[in-house]
Amino acid sequence: VRDEHLLKGHSGRFGAGLPRVSDGSLLFLQHLIAKMKPEGARIGIILNGSPLFTGGAGSGESEIRRYILEHDLLDTLVALPTDMFYNTGIATYIWVLSNHKPTERKGKVLLINASDMHSPMRKSLGSKRKQLSD
């Protein structure tokens, strides 16, 4: 990954930057962005809060987020309720990326707080206690 970043730069998958070694979420996100078809593509991925909140200004994480926003790739972020997934109670987010936004959506990011849009499950499955409500 480091070699590809240094040798290929923005013509490779990781030109925007490298996050800390302990978190590969932003590497995977950059990999998906590199696979987007130039004529238009959408990506939907569920990630924990790490890609949104880790790394100070000028860090690899910050530079990757800057690249995504400056290239107008982030379409929508949805904050999900905690306790939505089996054996984890962490906060999770749906990232929707697009490289072909409609004109009225260009330069904008839709933020949806769905953290309270849940109903309890009849029976828990490990730490999964909630489901999205209608």
Protein backbone atom coordinates (compact mmCIF):
# COMPACT_ATOMS: atom_id res chain seq x y z
CA VAL A 1 0.00 0.00 0.00
CA ARG A 2 2.78 2.42 0.94
CA ASP A 3 4.67 1.63 -2.29
CA GLU A 4 1.56 2.17 -4.42
CA HIS A 5 0.90 5.47 -2.64
CA LEU A 6 4.47 6.69 -3.22
CA LEU A 7 4.99 5.36 -6.74
CA LYS A 8 1.58 5.91 -8.35
CA GLY A 9 0.16 8.85 -6.36
CA HIS A 10 -3.29 9.85 -7.61
CA SER A 11 -3.06 7.46 -10.56
CA GLY A 12 -3.16 4.60 -8.02
CA ARG A 13 -5.78 3.73 -5.44
CA PHE A 14 -4.28 5.54 -2.45
CA GLY A 15 -3.28 8.94 -3.82
CA ALA A 16 -5.41 10.86 -1.33
CA GLY A 17 -3.30 9.68 1.62
CA LEU A 18 -2.62 6.86 4.02
CA PRO A 19 -4.43 6.43 7.34
CA ARG A 20 -2.85 4.97 10.47
CA VAL A 21 -1.83 1.34 10.15
CA SER A 22 -4.39 0.14 12.71
CA ASP A 23 -7.45 1.23 10.68
CA GLY A 24 -8.00 0.07 7.10
CA SER A 25 -11.50 1.54 6.62
CA LEU A 26 -10.31 4.56 4.68
CA LEU A 27 -7.99 2.39 2.58
CA PHE A 28 -10.96 0.24 1.61
CA LEU A 29 -13.02 3.35 0.88
CA GLN A 30 -10.25 4.68 -1.43
CA HIS A 31 -10.09 1.27 -3.13
CA LEU A 32 -13.84 1.46 -3.83
CA ILE A 33 -13.53 5.02 -5.14
CA ALA A 34 -10.76 3.91 -7.52
CA LYS A 35 -13.13 1.26 -8.92
CA MET A 36 -15.91 3.79 -9.72
CA LYS A 37 -16.66 3.99 -13.45
CA PRO A 38 -15.91 7.49 -14.79
CA GLU A 39 -19.30 7.74 -16.53
CA GLY A 40 -21.04 7.46 -13.16
CA ALA A 41 -21.19 5.15 -10.17
CA ARG A 42 -22.64 4.98 -6.67
CA ILE A 43 -21.20 3.25 -3.65
CA GLY A 44 -22.96 2.42 -0.40
CA ILE A 45 -20.92 1.16 2.54
CA ILE A 46 -21.49 0.81 6.29
CA LEU A 47 -18.54 1.91 8.44
CA ASN A 48 -17.96 2.63 12.10
CA GLY A 49 -17.20 6.18 13.28
CA SER A 50 -13.45 5.88 12.86
CA PRO A 51 -13.24 7.21 9.27
CA LEU A 52 -15.28 10.26 10.28
CA PHE A 53 -13.64 11.19 13.56
CA THR A 54 -10.02 9.97 13.78
CA GLY A 55 -6.93 11.87 12.74
CA GLY A 56 -6.17 15.50 13.36
CA ALA A 57 -5.72 18.22 10.76
CA GLY A 58 -3.06 17.28 8.22
CA SER A 59 -3.13 13.58 9.11
CA GLY A 60 -3.65 10.88 6.51
CA GLU A 61 -7.27 10.44 7.61
CA SER A 62 -7.91 14.18 7.34
CA GLU A 63 -6.37 14.34 3.86
CA ILE A 64 -8.51 11.44 2.65
CA ARG A 65 -11.68 13.12 3.95
CA ARG A 66 -10.56 16.39 2.31
CA TYR A 67 -10.05 14.58 -1.02
CA ILE A 68 -13.52 13.00 -0.85
CA LEU A 69 -15.19 16.35 -0.11
CA GLU A 70 -13.15 18.46 -2.54
CA HIS A 71 -13.90 16.01 -5.36
CA ASP A 72 -17.61 16.09 -4.42
CA LEU A 73 -17.79 12.31 -4.00
CA LEU A 74 -19.75 12.15 -0.73
CA ASP A 75 -23.47 12.23 -1.45
CA THR A 76 -25.06 11.11 1.84
CA LEU A 77 -24.08 10.17 5.39
CA VAL A 78 -26.62 8.32 7.54
CA ALA A 79 -26.04 7.92 11.29
CA LEU A 80 -27.56 4.59 12.35
CA PRO A 81 -28.75 3.62 15.84
CA THR A 82 -26.32 1.78 18.10
CA ASP A 83 -26.94 -1.94 18.77
CA MET A 84 -27.90 -2.56 15.14
CA PHE A 85 -25.37 -5.29 14.39
CA TYR A 86 -24.66 -8.65 15.96
CA ASN A 87 -22.06 -8.55 18.77
CA THR A 88 -21.25 -4.86 18.56
CA GLY A 89 -22.89 -1.81 20.08
CA ILE A 90 -20.77 0.77 18.27
CA ALA A 91 -22.13 3.68 16.27
CA THR A 92 -22.26 2.97 12.55
CA TYR A 93 -22.76 5.14 9.49
CA ILE A 94 -23.88 4.54 5.93
CA TRP A 95 -21.69 6.38 3.43
CA VAL A 96 -23.19 6.90 -0.03
CA LEU A 97 -20.66 8.12 -2.59
CA SER A 98 -21.34 9.22 -6.15
CA ASN A 99 -19.16 10.59 -8.92
CA HIS A 100 -22.15 11.69 -10.99
CA LYS A 101 -24.44 13.78 -8.77
CA PRO A 102 -27.44 15.56 -10.29
CA THR A 103 -26.86 19.29 -10.84
CA GLU A 104 -29.04 20.32 -7.89
CA ARG A 105 -26.99 18.09 -5.53
CA LYS A 106 -23.50 19.17 -6.64
CA GLY A 107 -21.41 20.58 -3.81
CA LYS A 108 -23.84 19.31 -1.18
CA VAL A 109 -23.86 16.42 1.30
CA LEU A 110 -27.11 15.08 2.72
CA LEU A 111 -26.75 14.32 6.45
CA ILE A 112 -29.41 12.04 7.94
CA ASN A 113 -29.61 11.39 11.65
CA ALA A 114 -31.41 8.07 11.87
CA SER A 115 -30.02 7.27 15.33
CA ASP A 116 -33.50 7.51 16.89
CA MET A 117 -35.35 5.77 14.06
CA HIS A 118 -35.43 2.31 15.55
CA SER A 119 -37.68 -0.14 17.28
CA PRO A 120 -36.61 -2.77 19.79
CA MET A 121 -36.30 -6.33 18.62
CA ARG A 122 -38.61 -8.86 20.19
CA LYS A 123 -35.58 -10.97 21.12
CA SER A 124 -31.97 -9.79 21.18
CA LEU A 125 -29.29 -11.48 19.07
CA GLY A 126 -26.16 -10.90 21.13
CA SER A 127 -25.72 -7.12 21.17
CA LYS A 128 -28.20 -6.63 18.32
CA ARG A 129 -31.19 -5.19 20.13
CA LYS A 130 -32.60 -2.71 17.60
CA GLN A 131 -33.87 -2.65 14.06
CA LEU A 132 -34.63 0.27 11.78
CA SER A 133 -38.29 1.21 12.05
CA ASP A 134 -40.49 1.93 9.05
